[in-house]
Amino acid sequence: MRGFPKYTDIATKYDVNNLRDIFPKETKQFLECLKGDRFIWEDKGDIPSIEDGIVDDTHKVVEVLIQPTCEGEEPTKELHQLELIEDKNARVFRMGYTLNEIDSIIEELSSLS
C-alpha cells in the first residue's frame, strides 16, 4: 500500500483496524469525518410562509420548485421546513460502529499524536 487509501476505499472495521497503526493521524481524520457525516436534512413538509418556519443550526427553510402535473402549467414554488437529523443508514452505522466505539478510537489515536 502506498499512502492512506481514498475514503471510499475504506469499507469495514477491519480496514480501519489495519490502518490505525500505520496511519494514526489519517485514520483519526477519517473517523472524525465518518462521525460528522451521519446527519442528513429531512424535509418536514411545506409551510405557508418563512415566518412560520424555524431557522437555526438544526432547521432551515428552503424554496422547492414543484413541477406541474399537466402540460402547459407553470412550475410553482413552495417553502419547505428541513430538519437536520441523524441518518440511521449512515456509513458509520453500516460499517458496524457505534458512536461510543468511534469516540474511543479517536481518543486512543489522539493520545498517540
PDB file of N, CA and C in Angstrom:
ATOM      1  N   MET A   1       0.844  -1.177   0.000  1.00  0.00           N
ATOM      2  CA  MET A   1       0.000   0.000   0.000  1.00  0.00           C
ATOM      3  C   MET A   1       0.888   1.237   0.000  1.00  0.00           C
ATOM      4  N   ARG A   2       0.528   2.188  -0.821  1.00  0.00           N
ATOM      5  CA  ARG A   2       1.258   3.453  -0.882  1.00  0.00           C
ATOM      6  C   ARG A   2       0.363   4.559  -0.365  1.00  0.00           C
ATOM      7  N   GLY A   3       0.625   5.027   0.816  1.00  0.00           N
ATOM      8  CA  GLY A   3      -0.154   6.101   1.382  1.00  0.00           C
ATOM      9  C   GLY A   3      -1.529   5.662   1.864  1.00  0.00           C
ATOM     10  N   PHE A   4      -2.213   6.612   2.450  1.00  0.00           N
ATOM     11  CA  PHE A   4      -3.540   6.355   3.002  1.00  0.00           C
ATOM     12  C   PHE A   4      -4.536   6.203   1.851  1.00  0.00           C
ATOM     13  N   PRO A   5      -5.416   5.192   1.901  1.00  0.00           N
ATOM     14  CA  PRO A   5      -6.361   4.979   0.798  1.00  0.00           C
ATOM     15  C   PRO A   5      -7.424   6.075   0.733  1.00  0.00           C
ATOM     16  N   LYS A   6      -8.098   6.134  -0.414  1.00  0.00           N
ATOM     17  CA  LYS A   6      -9.221   7.063  -0.549  1.00  0.00           C
ATOM     18  C   LYS A   6     -10.301   6.662   0.445  1.00  0.00           C
ATOM     19  N   TYR A   7     -11.037   7.651   0.935  1.00  0.00           N
ATOM     20  CA  TYR A   7     -12.090   7.378   1.917  1.00  0.00           C
ATOM     21  C   TYR A   7     -13.106   6.372   1.399  1.00  0.00           C
ATOM     22  N   THR A   8     -13.363   6.402   0.110  1.00  0.00           N
ATOM     23  CA  THR A   8     -14.355   5.486  -0.455  1.00  0.00           C
ATOM     24  C   THR A   8     -13.855   4.046  -0.504  1.00  0.00           C
ATOM     25  N   ASP A   9     -12.540   3.855  -0.380  1.00  0.00           N
ATOM     26  CA  ASP A   9     -11.973   2.502  -0.393  1.00  0.00           C
ATOM     27  C   ASP A   9     -11.981   1.843   0.984  1.00  0.00           C
ATOM     28  N   ILE A  10     -12.283   2.599   2.027  1.00  0.00           N
ATOM     29  CA  ILE A  10     -12.333   2.056   3.389  1.00  0.00           C
ATOM     30  C   ILE A  10     -13.784   1.653   3.653  1.00  0.00           C
ATOM     31  N   ALA A  11     -14.021   0.342   3.749  1.00  0.00           N
ATOM     32  CA  ALA A  11     -15.406  -0.134   3.775  1.00  0.00           C
ATOM     33  C   ALA A  11     -15.795  -0.865   5.052  1.00  0.00           C
ATOM     34  N   THR A  12     -14.827  -1.314   5.848  1.00  0.00           N
ATOM     35  CA  THR A  12     -15.160  -2.134   7.009  1.00  0.00           C
ATOM     36  C   THR A  12     -14.348  -1.727   8.226  1.00  0.00           C
ATOM     37  N   LYS A  13     -14.757  -2.246   9.375  1.00  0.00           N
ATOM     38  CA  LYS A  13     -13.998  -2.037  10.606  1.00  0.00           C
ATOM     39  C   LYS A  13     -12.585  -2.611  10.471  1.00  0.00           C
ATOM     40  N   TYR A  14     -12.490  -3.705   9.744  1.00  0.00           N
ATOM     41  CA  TYR A  14     -11.189  -4.355   9.571  1.00  0.00           C
ATOM     42  C   TYR A  14     -10.233  -3.459   8.799  1.00  0.00           C
ATOM     43  N   ASP A  15     -10.748  -2.737   7.816  1.00  0.00           N
ATOM     44  CA  ASP A  15      -9.915  -1.782   7.081  1.00  0.00           C
ATOM     45  C   ASP A  15      -9.378  -0.717   8.031  1.00  0.00           C
ATOM     46  N   VAL A  16     -10.243  -0.208   8.885  1.00  0.00           N
ATOM     47  CA  VAL A  16      -9.839   0.824   9.845  1.00  0.00           C
ATOM     48  C   VAL A  16      -8.797   0.259  10.804  1.00  0.00           C
ATOM     49  N   ASN A  17      -9.019  -0.947  11.314  1.00  0.00           N
ATOM     50  CA  ASN A  17      -8.059  -1.557  12.238  1.00  0.00           C
ATOM     51  C   ASN A  17      -6.696  -1.753  11.588  1.00  0.00           C
ATOM     52  N   ASN A  18      -6.668  -2.093  10.309  1.00  0.00           N
ATOM     53  CA  ASN A  18      -5.408  -2.266   9.608  1.00  0.00           C
ATOM     54  C   ASN A  18      -4.680  -0.946   9.404  1.00  0.00           C
ATOM     55  N   LEU A  19      -5.424   0.147   9.314  1.00  0.00           N
ATOM     56  CA  LEU A  19      -4.817   1.460   9.070  1.00  0.00           C
ATOM     57  C   LEU A  19      -4.386   2.173  10.347  1.00  0.00           C
ATOM     58  N   ARG A  20      -4.949   1.800  11.478  1.00  0.00           N
ATOM     59  CA  ARG A  20      -4.704   2.508  12.740  1.00  0.00           C
ATOM     60  C   ARG A  20      -3.227   2.622  13.094  1.00  0.00           C
ATOM     61  N   ASP A  21      -2.506   1.533  12.994  1.00  0.00           N
ATOM     62  CA  ASP A  21      -1.103   1.535  13.400  1.00  0.00           C
ATOM     63  C   ASP A  21      -0.196   2.195  12.363  1.00  0.00           C
ATOM     64  N   ILE A  22      -0.549   2.068  11.099  1.00  0.00           N
ATOM     65  CA  ILE A  22       0.289   2.595  10.026  1.00  0.00           C
ATOM     66  C   ILE A  22       0.063   4.096   9.821  1.00  0.00           C
ATOM     67  N   PHE A  23      -1.201   4.509   9.851  1.00  0.00           N
ATOM     68  CA  PHE A  23      -1.580   5.895   9.589  1.00  0.00           C
ATOM     69  C   PHE A  23      -2.491   6.421  10.700  1.00  0.00           C
ATOM     70  N   PRO A  24      -1.992   6.606  11.920  1.00  0.00           N
ATOM     71  CA  PRO A  24      -2.882   7.014  13.017  1.00  0.00           C
ATOM     72  C   PRO A  24      -3.545   8.377  12.800  1.00  0.00           C
ATOM     73  N   LYS A  25      -2.796   9.358  12.309  1.00  0.00           N
ATOM     74  CA  LYS A  25      -3.348  10.709  12.114  1.00  0.00           C
ATOM     75  C   LYS A  25      -4.454  10.691  11.050  1.00  0.00           C
ATOM     76  N   GLU A  26      -4.195  10.042   9.926  1.00  0.00           N
ATOM     77  CA  GLU A  26      -5.162   9.993   8.834  1.00  0.00           C
ATOM     78  C   GLU A  26      -6.389   9.169   9.213  1.00  0.00           C
ATOM     79  N   THR A  27      -6.165   8.091   9.981  1.00  0.00           N
ATOM     80  CA  THR A  27      -7.285   7.261  10.435  1.00  0.00           C
ATOM     81  C   THR A  27      -8.191   8.056  11.362  1.00  0.00           C
ATOM     82  N   LYS A  28      -7.574   8.844  12.244  1.00  0.00           N
ATOM     83  CA  LYS A  28      -8.357   9.701  13.150  1.00  0.00           C
ATOM     84  C   LYS A  28      -9.192  10.698  12.345  1.00  0.00           C
ATOM     85  N   GLN A  29      -8.592  11.318  11.338  1.00  0.00           N
ATOM     86  CA  GLN A  29      -9.323  12.272  10.499  1.00  0.00           C
ATOM     87  C   GLN A  29     -10.471  11.589   9.757  1.00  0.00           C
ATOM     88  N   PHE A  30     -10.216  10.389   9.261  1.00  0.00           N
ATOM     89  CA  PHE A  30     -11.260   9.632   8.573  1.00  0.00           C
ATOM     90  C   PHE A  30     -12.432   9.353   9.511  1.00  0.00           C
ATOM     91  N   LEU A  31     -12.133   8.910  10.733  1.00  0.00           N
ATOM     92  CA  LEU A  31     -13.195   8.586  11.693  1.00  0.00           C
ATOM     93  C   LEU A  31     -13.982   9.823  12.110  1.00  0.00           C
ATOM     94  N   GLU A  32     -13.293  10.954  12.250  1.00  0.00           N
ATOM     95  CA  GLU A  32     -13.991  12.198  12.574  1.00  0.00           C
ATOM     96  C   GLU A  32     -14.937  12.593  11.442  1.00  0.00           C
ATOM     97  N   CYS A  33     -14.491  12.426  10.207  1.00  0.00           N
ATOM     98  CA  CYS A  33     -15.351  12.694   9.036  1.00  0.00           C
ATOM     99  C   CYS A  33     -16.535  11.743   9.013  1.00  0.00           C
ATOM    100  N   LEU A  34     -16.261  10.478   9.241  1.00  0.00           N
ATOM    101  CA  LEU A  34     -17.302   9.451   9.234  1.00  0.00           C
ATOM    102  C   LEU A  34     -18.374   9.777  10.266  1.00  0.00           C
ATOM    103  N   LYS A  35     -17.934  10.187  11.446  1.00  0.00           N
ATOM    104  CA  LYS A  35     -18.863  10.531  12.526  1.00  0.00           C
ATOM    105  C   LYS A  35     -19.678  11.781  12.170  1.00  0.00           C
ATOM    106  N   GLY A  36     -19.025  12.765  11.577  1.00  0.00           N
ATOM    107  CA  GLY A  36     -19.700  14.014  11.226  1.00  0.00           C
ATOM    108  C   GLY A  36     -20.666  13.889  10.062  1.00  0.00           C
ATOM    109  N   ASP A  37     -20.429  12.900   9.204  1.00  0.00           N
ATOM    110  CA  ASP A  37     -21.267  12.731   8.011  1.00  0.00           C
ATOM    111  C   ASP A  37     -22.522  11.911   8.258  1.00  0.00           C
ATOM    112  N   ARG A  38     -22.881  11.723   9.506  1.00  0.00           N
ATOM    113  CA  ARG A  38     -24.039  10.864   9.797  1.00  0.00           C
ATOM    114  C   ARG A  38     -25.361  11.632   9.824  1.00  0.00           C
ATOM    115  N   PHE A  39     -25.327  12.901   9.501  1.00  0.00           N
ATOM    116  CA  PHE A  39     -26.541  13.726   9.534  1.00  0.00           C
ATOM    117  C   PHE A  39     -27.038  14.032   8.126  1.00  0.00           C
ATOM    118  N   ILE A  40     -28.358  14.112   7.982  1.00  0.00           N
ATOM    119  CA  ILE A  40     -28.982  14.484   6.711  1.00  0.00           C
ATOM    120  C   ILE A  40     -30.090  15.506   6.983  1.00  0.00           C
ATOM    121  N   TRP A  41     -30.435  16.243   5.937  1.00  0.00           N
ATOM    122  CA  TRP A  41     -31.563  17.175   6.022  1.00  0.00           C
ATOM    123  C   TRP A  41     -32.822  16.433   5.611  1.00  0.00           C
ATOM    124  N   GLU A  42     -33.800  16.379   6.506  1.00  0.00           N
ATOM    125  CA  GLU A  42     -35.072  15.718   6.229  1.00  0.00           C
ATOM    126  C   GLU A  42     -36.145  16.766   5.990  1.00  0.00           C
ATOM    127  N   ASP A  43     -36.893  16.588   4.912  1.00  0.00           N
ATOM    128  CA  ASP A  43     -37.977  17.507   4.564  1.00  0.00           C
ATOM    129  C   ASP A  43     -39.181  17.204   5.459  1.00  0.00           C
ATOM    130  N   LYS A  44     -39.591  18.190   6.243  1.00  0.00           N
ATOM    131  CA  LYS A  44     -40.731  18.031   7.145  1.00  0.00           C
ATOM    132  C   LYS A  44     -42.036  18.515   6.534  1.00  0.00           C
ATOM    133  N   GLY A  45     -41.972  18.968   5.287  1.00  0.00           N
ATOM    134  CA  GLY A  45     -43.196  19.381   4.610  1.00  0.00           C
ATOM    135  C   GLY A  45     -43.241  20.868   4.323  1.00  0.00           C
ATOM    136  N   ASP A  46     -44.298  21.259   3.614  1.00  0.00           N
ATOM    137  CA  ASP A  46     -44.420  22.661   3.224  1.00  0.00           C
ATOM    138  C   ASP A  46     -44.955  23.504   4.374  1.00  0.00           C
ATOM    139  N   ILE A  47     -44.607  24.782   4.312  1.00  0.00           N
ATOM    140  CA  ILE A  47     -45.060  25.748   5.316  1.00  0.00           C
ATOM    141  C   ILE A  47     -45.636  26.954   4.575  1.00  0.00           C
ATOM    142  N   PRO A  48     -46.590  27.654   5.184  1.00  0.00           N
ATOM    143  CA  PRO A  48     -47.251  28.762   4.489  1.00  0.00           C
ATOM    144  C   PRO A  48     -46.340  29.966   4.230  1.00  0.00           C
ATOM    145  N   SER A  49     -45.443  30.290   5.174  1.00  0.00           N
ATOM    146  CA  SER A  49     -44.569  31.448   4.989  1.00  0.00           C
ATOM    147  C   SER A  49     -43.276  31.238   5.768  1.00  0.00           C
ATOM    148  N   ILE A  50     -42.272  32.022   5.416  1.00  0.00           N
ATOM    149  CA  ILE A  50     -40.968  31.868   6.081  1.00  0.00           C
ATOM    150  C   ILE A  50     -41.066  32.177   7.575  1.00  0.00           C
ATOM    151  N   GLU A  51     -42.021  33.048   7.942  1.00  0.00           N
ATOM    152  CA  GLU A  51     -42.205  33.382   9.356  1.00  0.00           C
ATOM    153  C   GLU A  51     -42.705  32.181  10.153  1.00  0.00           C
ATOM    154  N   ASP A  52     -43.368  31.243   9.486  1.00  0.00           N
ATOM    155  CA  ASP A  52     -43.868  30.053  10.166  1.00  0.00           C
ATOM    156  C   ASP A  52     -42.796  28.972  10.317  1.00  0.00           C
ATOM    157  N   GLY A  53     -41.669  29.157   9.658  1.00  0.00           N
ATOM    158  CA  GLY A  53     -40.595  28.169   9.714  1.00  0.00           C
ATOM    159  C   GLY A  53     -39.612  28.469  10.833  1.00  0.00           C
ATOM    160  N   ILE A  54     -38.767  27.492  11.102  1.00  0.00           N
ATOM    161  CA  ILE A  54     -37.723  27.618  12.116  1.00  0.00           C
ATOM    162  C   ILE A  54     -36.390  27.661  11.387  1.00  0.00           C
ATOM    163  N   VAL A  55     -35.537  28.604  11.782  1.00  0.00           N
ATOM    164  CA  VAL A  55     -34.203  28.698  11.208  1.00  0.00           C
ATOM    165  C   VAL A  55     -33.199  28.757  12.350  1.00  0.00           C
ATOM    166  N   ASP A  56     -32.414  27.686  12.498  1.00  0.00           N
ATOM    167  CA  ASP A  56     -31.332  27.638  13.487  1.00  0.00           C
ATOM    168  C   ASP A  56     -30.318  26.610  13.004  1.00  0.00           C
ATOM    169  N   ASP A  57     -29.464  26.116  13.895  1.00  0.00           N
ATOM    170  CA  ASP A  57     -28.418  25.173  13.497  1.00  0.00           C
ATOM    171  C   ASP A  57     -28.968  23.860  12.959  1.00  0.00           C
ATOM    172  N   THR A  58     -30.137  23.453  13.412  1.00  0.00           N
ATOM    173  CA  THR A  58     -30.688  22.162  13.004  1.00  0.00           C
ATOM    174  C   THR A  58     -31.964  22.276  12.182  1.00  0.00           C
ATOM    175  N   HIS A  59     -32.329  23.484  11.807  1.00  0.00           N
ATOM    176  CA  HIS A  59     -33.530  23.711  10.992  1.00  0.00           C
ATOM    177  C   HIS A  59     -33.230  24.776   9.947  1.00  0.00           C
ATOM    178  N   LYS A  60     -33.856  24.614   8.785  1.00  0.00           N
ATOM    179  CA  LYS A  60     -33.773  25.668   7.772  1.00  0.00           C
ATOM    180  C   LYS A  60     -35.010  25.607   6.891  1.00  0.00           C
ATOM    181  N   VAL A  61     -35.269  26.722   6.239  1.00  0.00           N
ATOM    182  CA  VAL A  61     -36.393  26.833   5.311  1.00  0.00           C
ATOM    183  C   VAL A  61     -35.802  26.979   3.914  1.00  0.00           C
ATOM    184  N   VAL A  62     -36.294  26.164   2.986  1.00  0.00           N
ATOM    185  CA  VAL A  62     -35.810  26.231   1.608  1.00  0.00           C
ATOM    186  C   VAL A  62     -36.987  26.368   0.650  1.00  0.00           C
ATOM    187  N   GLU A  63     -36.692  26.932  -0.511  1.00  0.00           N
ATOM    188  CA  GLU A  63     -37.694  27.071  -1.558  1.00  0.00           C
ATOM    189  C   GLU A  63     -37.585  25.851  -2.472  1.00  0.00           C
ATOM    190  N   VAL A  64     -38.697  25.181  -2.719  1.00  0.00           N
ATOM    191  CA  VAL A  64     -38.726  23.970  -3.546  1.00  0.00           C
ATOM    192  C   VAL A  64     -39.548  24.256  -4.789  1.00  0.00           C
ATOM    193  N   LEU A  65     -39.014  23.880  -5.938  1.00  0.00           N
ATOM    194  CA  LEU A  65     -39.718  24.048  -7.205  1.00  0.00           C
ATOM    195  C   LEU A  65     -40.568  22.806  -7.446  1.00  0.00           C
ATOM    196  N   ILE A  66     -41.863  23.000  -7.551  1.00  0.00           N
ATOM    197  CA  ILE A  66     -42.804  21.902  -7.774  1.00  0.00           C
ATOM    198  C   ILE A  66     -43.150  21.849  -9.256  1.00  0.00           C
ATOM    199  N   GLN A  67     -42.835  20.721  -9.888  1.00  0.00           N
ATOM    200  CA  GLN A  67     -43.112  20.567 -11.315  1.00  0.00           C
ATOM    201  C   GLN A  67     -44.609  20.313 -11.535  1.00  0.00           C
ATOM    202  N   PRO A  68     -45.160  20.873 -12.586  1.00  0.00           N
ATOM    203  CA  PRO A  68     -46.597  20.688 -12.857  1.00  0.00           C
ATOM    204  C   PRO A  68     -46.909  19.249 -13.277  1.00  0.00           C
ATOM    205  N   THR A  69     -48.124  18.853 -13.007  1.00  0.00           N
ATOM    206  CA  THR A  69     -48.559  17.507 -13.389  1.00  0.00           C
ATOM    207  C   THR A  69     -49.156  17.490 -14.798  1.00  0.00           C
ATOM    208  N   CYS A  70     -49.567  18.644 -15.280  1.00  0.00           N
ATOM    209  CA  CYS A  70     -50.156  18.738 -16.626  1.00  0.00           C
ATOM    210  C   CYS A  70     -49.287  19.628 -17.506  1.00  0.00           C
ATOM    211  N   GLU A  71     -49.300  19.326 -18.783  1.00  0.00           N
ATOM    212  CA  GLU A  71     -48.551  20.163 -19.723  1.00  0.00           C
ATOM    213  C   GLU A  71     -49.188  21.540 -19.808  1.00  0.00           C
ATOM    214  N   GLY A  72     -48.329  22.532 -20.023  1.00  0.00           N
ATOM    215  CA  GLY A  72     -48.822  23.892 -20.163  1.00  0.00           C
ATOM    216  C   GLY A  72     -48.870  24.662 -18.845  1.00  0.00           C
ATOM    217  N   GLU A  73     -48.857  23.965 -17.725  1.00  0.00           N
ATOM    218  CA  GLU A  73     -48.847  24.647 -16.423  1.00  0.00           C
ATOM    219  C   GLU A  73     -47.425  25.071 -16.085  1.00  0.00           C
ATOM    220  N   GLU A  74     -47.325  26.124 -15.328  1.00  0.00           N
ATOM    221  CA  GLU A  74     -46.027  26.626 -14.891  1.00  0.00           C
ATOM    222  C   GLU A  74     -45.627  25.952 -13.571  1.00  0.00           C
ATOM    223  N   PRO A  75     -44.329  25.732 -13.371  1.00  0.00           N
ATOM    224  CA  PRO A  75     -43.883  25.217 -12.075  1.00  0.00           C
ATOM    225  C   PRO A  75     -44.199  26.227 -10.972  1.00  0.00           C
ATOM    226  N   THR A  76     -44.478  25.744  -9.793  1.00  0.00           N
ATOM    227  CA  THR A  76     -44.740  26.626  -8.650  1.00  0.00           C
ATOM    228  C   THR A  76     -43.648  26.431  -7.606  1.00  0.00           C
ATOM    229  N   LYS A  77     -43.559  27.391  -6.705  1.00  0.00           N
ATOM    230  CA  LYS A  77     -42.562  27.313  -5.638  1.00  0.00           C
ATOM    231  C   LYS A  77     -43.272  27.211  -4.297  1.00  0.00           C
ATOM    232  N   GLU A  78     -42.722  26.362  -3.438  1.00  0.00           N
ATOM    233  CA  GLU A  78     -43.238  26.218  -2.075  1.00  0.00           C
ATOM    234  C   GLU A  78     -42.078  26.354  -1.103  1.00  0.00           C
ATOM    235  N   LEU A  79     -42.390  26.805   0.108  1.00  0.00           N
ATOM    236  CA  LEU A  79     -41.401  26.817   1.179  1.00  0.00           C
ATOM    237  C   LEU A  79     -41.525  25.514   1.961  1.00  0.00           C
ATOM    238  N   HIS A  80     -40.400  24.884   2.221  1.00  0.00           N
ATOM    239  CA  HIS A  80     -40.386  23.634   2.981  1.00  0.00           C
ATOM    240  C   HIS A  80     -39.466  23.771   4.188  1.00  0.00           C
ATOM    241  N   GLN A  81     -39.876  23.161   5.278  1.00  0.00           N
ATOM    242  CA  GLN A  81     -39.083  23.126   6.501  1.00  0.00           C
ATOM    243  C   GLN A  81     -38.184  21.888   6.460  1.00  0.00           C
ATOM    244  N   LEU A  82     -36.877  22.090   6.664  1.00  0.00           N
ATOM    245  CA  LEU A  82     -35.938  20.981   6.744  1.00  0.00           C
ATOM    246  C   LEU A  82     -35.382  20.887   8.155  1.00  0.00           C
ATOM    247  N   GLU A  83     -35.138  19.664   8.596  1.00  0.00           N
ATOM    248  CA  GLU A  83     -34.562  19.430   9.918  1.00  0.00           C
ATOM    249  C   GLU A  83     -33.351  18.514   9.771  1.00  0.00           C
ATOM    250  N   LEU A  84     -32.269  18.864  10.455  1.00  0.00           N
ATOM    251  CA  LEU A  84     -31.053  18.061  10.439  1.00  0.00           C
ATOM    252  C   LEU A  84     -31.220  16.913  11.428  1.00  0.00           C
ATOM    253  N   ILE A  85     -31.203  15.681  10.911  1.00  0.00           N
ATOM    254  CA  ILE A  85     -31.399  14.512  11.761  1.00  0.00           C
ATOM    255  C   ILE A  85     -30.276  13.506  11.534  1.00  0.00           C
ATOM    256  N   GLU A  86     -30.128  12.602  12.490  1.00  0.00           N
ATOM    257  CA  GLU A  86     -29.141  11.534  12.354  1.00  0.00           C
ATOM    258  C   GLU A  86     -29.712  10.456  11.437  1.00  0.00           C
ATOM    259  N   ASP A  87     -28.962  10.121  10.410  1.00  0.00           N
ATOM    260  CA  ASP A  87     -29.376   9.107   9.440  1.00  0.00           C
ATOM    261  C   ASP A  87     -29.029   7.726   9.978  1.00  0.00           C
ATOM    262  N   LYS A  88     -30.034   6.919  10.225  1.00  0.00           N
ATOM    263  CA  LYS A  88     -29.815   5.567  10.759  1.00  0.00           C
ATOM    264  C   LYS A  88     -29.088   4.678   9.756  1.00  0.00           C
ATOM    265  N   ASN A  89     -29.084   5.075   8.478  1.00  0.00           N
ATOM    266  CA  ASN A  89     -28.395   4.303   7.440  1.00  0.00           C
ATOM    267  C   ASN A  89     -27.071   4.936   7.028  1.00  0.00           C
ATOM    268  N   ALA A  90     -26.529   5.801   7.871  1.00  0.00           N
ATOM    269  CA  ALA A  90     -25.268   6.468   7.561  1.00  0.00           C
ATOM    270  C   ALA A  90     -24.139   5.443   7.465  1.00  0.00           C
ATOM    271  N   ARG A  91     -23.121   5.810   6.746  1.00  0.00           N
ATOM    272  CA  ARG A  91     -21.993   4.901   6.515  1.00  0.00           C
ATOM    273  C   ARG A  91     -21.365   4.411   7.807  1.00  0.00           C
ATOM    274  N   VAL A  92     -21.260   5.275   8.796  1.00  0.00           N
ATOM    275  CA  VAL A  92     -20.655   4.888  10.070  1.00  0.00           C
ATOM    276  C   VAL A  92     -21.396   3.698  10.684  1.00  0.00           C
ATOM    277  N   PHE A  93     -22.709   3.686  10.577  1.00  0.00           N
ATOM    278  CA  PHE A  93     -23.500   2.595  11.151  1.00  0.00           C
ATOM    279  C   PHE A  93     -23.473   1.356  10.241  1.00  0.00           C
ATOM    280  N   ARG A  94     -23.430   1.585   8.935  1.00  0.00           N
ATOM    281  CA  ARG A  94     -23.340   0.445   8.009  1.00  0.00           C
ATOM    282  C   ARG A  94     -22.017  -0.293   8.168  1.00  0.00           C
ATOM    283  N   MET A  95     -20.980   0.420   8.599  1.00  0.00           N
ATOM    284  CA  MET A  95     -19.682  -0.222   8.830  1.00  0.00           C
ATOM    285  C   MET A  95     -19.680  -1.018  10.126  1.00  0.00           C
ATOM    286  N   GLY A  96     -20.726  -0.853  10.945  1.00  0.00           N
ATOM    287  CA  GLY A  96     -20.837  -1.632  12.177  1.00  0.00           C
ATOM    288  C   GLY A  96     -20.368  -0.925  13.425  1.00  0.00           C
ATOM    289  N   TYR A  97     -20.132   0.379  13.345  1.00  0.00           N
ATOM    290  CA  TYR A  97     -19.671   1.139  14.505  1.00  0.00           C
ATOM    291  C   TYR A  97     -20.828   1.717  15.303  1.00  0.00           C
ATOM    292  N   THR A  98     -20.566   1.917  16.590  1.00  0.00           N
ATOM    293  CA  THR A  98     -21.425   2.750  17.423  1.00  0.00           C
ATOM    294  C   THR A  98     -20.662   4.052  17.633  1.00  0.00           C
ATOM    295  N   LEU A  99     -21.348   5.089  18.059  1.00  0.00           N
ATOM    296  CA  LEU A  99     -20.678   6.364  18.296  1.00  0.00           C
ATOM    297  C   LEU A  99     -19.669   6.253  19.434  1.00  0.00           C
ATOM    298  N   ASN A 100     -19.982   5.430  20.434  1.00  0.00           N
ATOM    299  CA  ASN A 100     -19.035   5.226  21.538  1.00  0.00           C
ATOM    300  C   ASN A 100     -17.750   4.574  21.050  1.00  0.00           C
ATOM    301  N   GLU A 101     -17.868   3.612  20.143  1.00  0.00           N
ATOM    302  CA  GLU A 101     -16.678   2.969  19.583  1.00  0.00           C
ATOM    303  C   GLU A 101     -15.824   3.974  18.815  1.00  0.00           C
ATOM    304  N   ILE A 102     -16.469   4.784  18.000  1.00  0.00           N
ATOM    305  CA  ILE A 102     -15.755   5.795  17.224  1.00  0.00           C
ATOM    306  C   ILE A 102     -15.040   6.761  18.159  1.00  0.00           C
ATOM    307  N   ASP A 103     -15.751   7.259  19.187  1.00  0.00           N
ATOM    308  CA  ASP A 103     -15.148   8.193  20.137  1.00  0.00           C
ATOM    309  C   ASP A 103     -13.951   7.568  20.839  1.00  0.00           C
ATOM    310  N   SER A 104     -14.072   6.306  21.203  1.00  0.00           N
ATOM    311  CA  SER A 104     -12.991   5.602  21.881  1.00  0.00           C
ATOM    312  C   SER A 104     -11.755   5.483  20.983  1.00  0.00           C
ATOM    313  N   ILE A 105     -11.949   5.140  19.734  1.00  0.00           N
ATOM    314  CA  ILE A 105     -10.824   5.011  18.807  1.00  0.00           C
ATOM    315  C   ILE A 105     -10.191   6.374  18.545  1.00  0.00           C
ATOM    316  N   ILE A 106     -11.018   7.405  18.364  1.00  0.00           N
ATOM    317  CA  ILE A 106     -10.491   8.764  18.146  1.00  0.00           C
ATOM    318  C   ILE A 106      -9.669   9.207  19.347  1.00  0.00           C
ATOM    319  N   GLU A 107     -10.173   8.947  20.551  1.00  0.00           N
ATOM    320  CA  GLU A 107      -9.450   9.309  21.770  1.00  0.00           C
ATOM    321  C   GLU A 107      -8.111   8.562  21.844  1.00  0.00           C
ATOM    322  N   GLU A 108      -8.137   7.278  21.522  1.00  0.00           N
ATOM    323  CA  GLU A 108      -6.905   6.475  21.526  1.00  0.00           C
ATOM    324  C   GLU A 108      -5.897   7.009  20.515  1.00  0.00           C
ATOM    325  N   LEU A 109      -6.361   7.330  19.317  1.00  0.00           N
ATOM    326  CA  LEU A 109      -5.464   7.850  18.286  1.00  0.00           C
ATOM    327  C   LEU A 109      -4.961   9.252  18.616  1.00  0.00           C
ATOM    328  N   SER A 110      -5.752  10.025  19.359  1.00  0.00           N
ATOM    329  CA  SER A 110      -5.324  11.368  19.771  1.00  0.00           C
ATOM    330  C   SER A 110      -4.183  11.279  20.769  1.00  0.00           C
ATOM    331  N   SER A 111      -4.215  10.274  21.620  1.00  0.00           N
ATOM    332  CA  SER A 111      -3.152  10.132  22.628  1.00  0.00           C
ATOM    333  C   SER A 111      -1.836   9.692  22.003  1.00  0.00           C
ATOM    334  N   LEU A 112      -1.877   9.130  20.793  1.00  0.00           N
ATOM    335  CA  LEU A 112      -0.651   8.717  20.099  1.00  0.00           C
ATOM    336  C   LEU A 112       0.051   9.887  19.459  1.00  0.00           C
ATOM    337  N   SER A 113      -0.684  10.963  19.178  1.00  0.00           N
ATOM    338  CA  SER A 113      -0.092  12.126  18.488  1.00  0.00           C
ATOM    339  C   SER A 113       0.731  12.977  19.397  1.00  0.00           C
TER     340      SER A 113
END
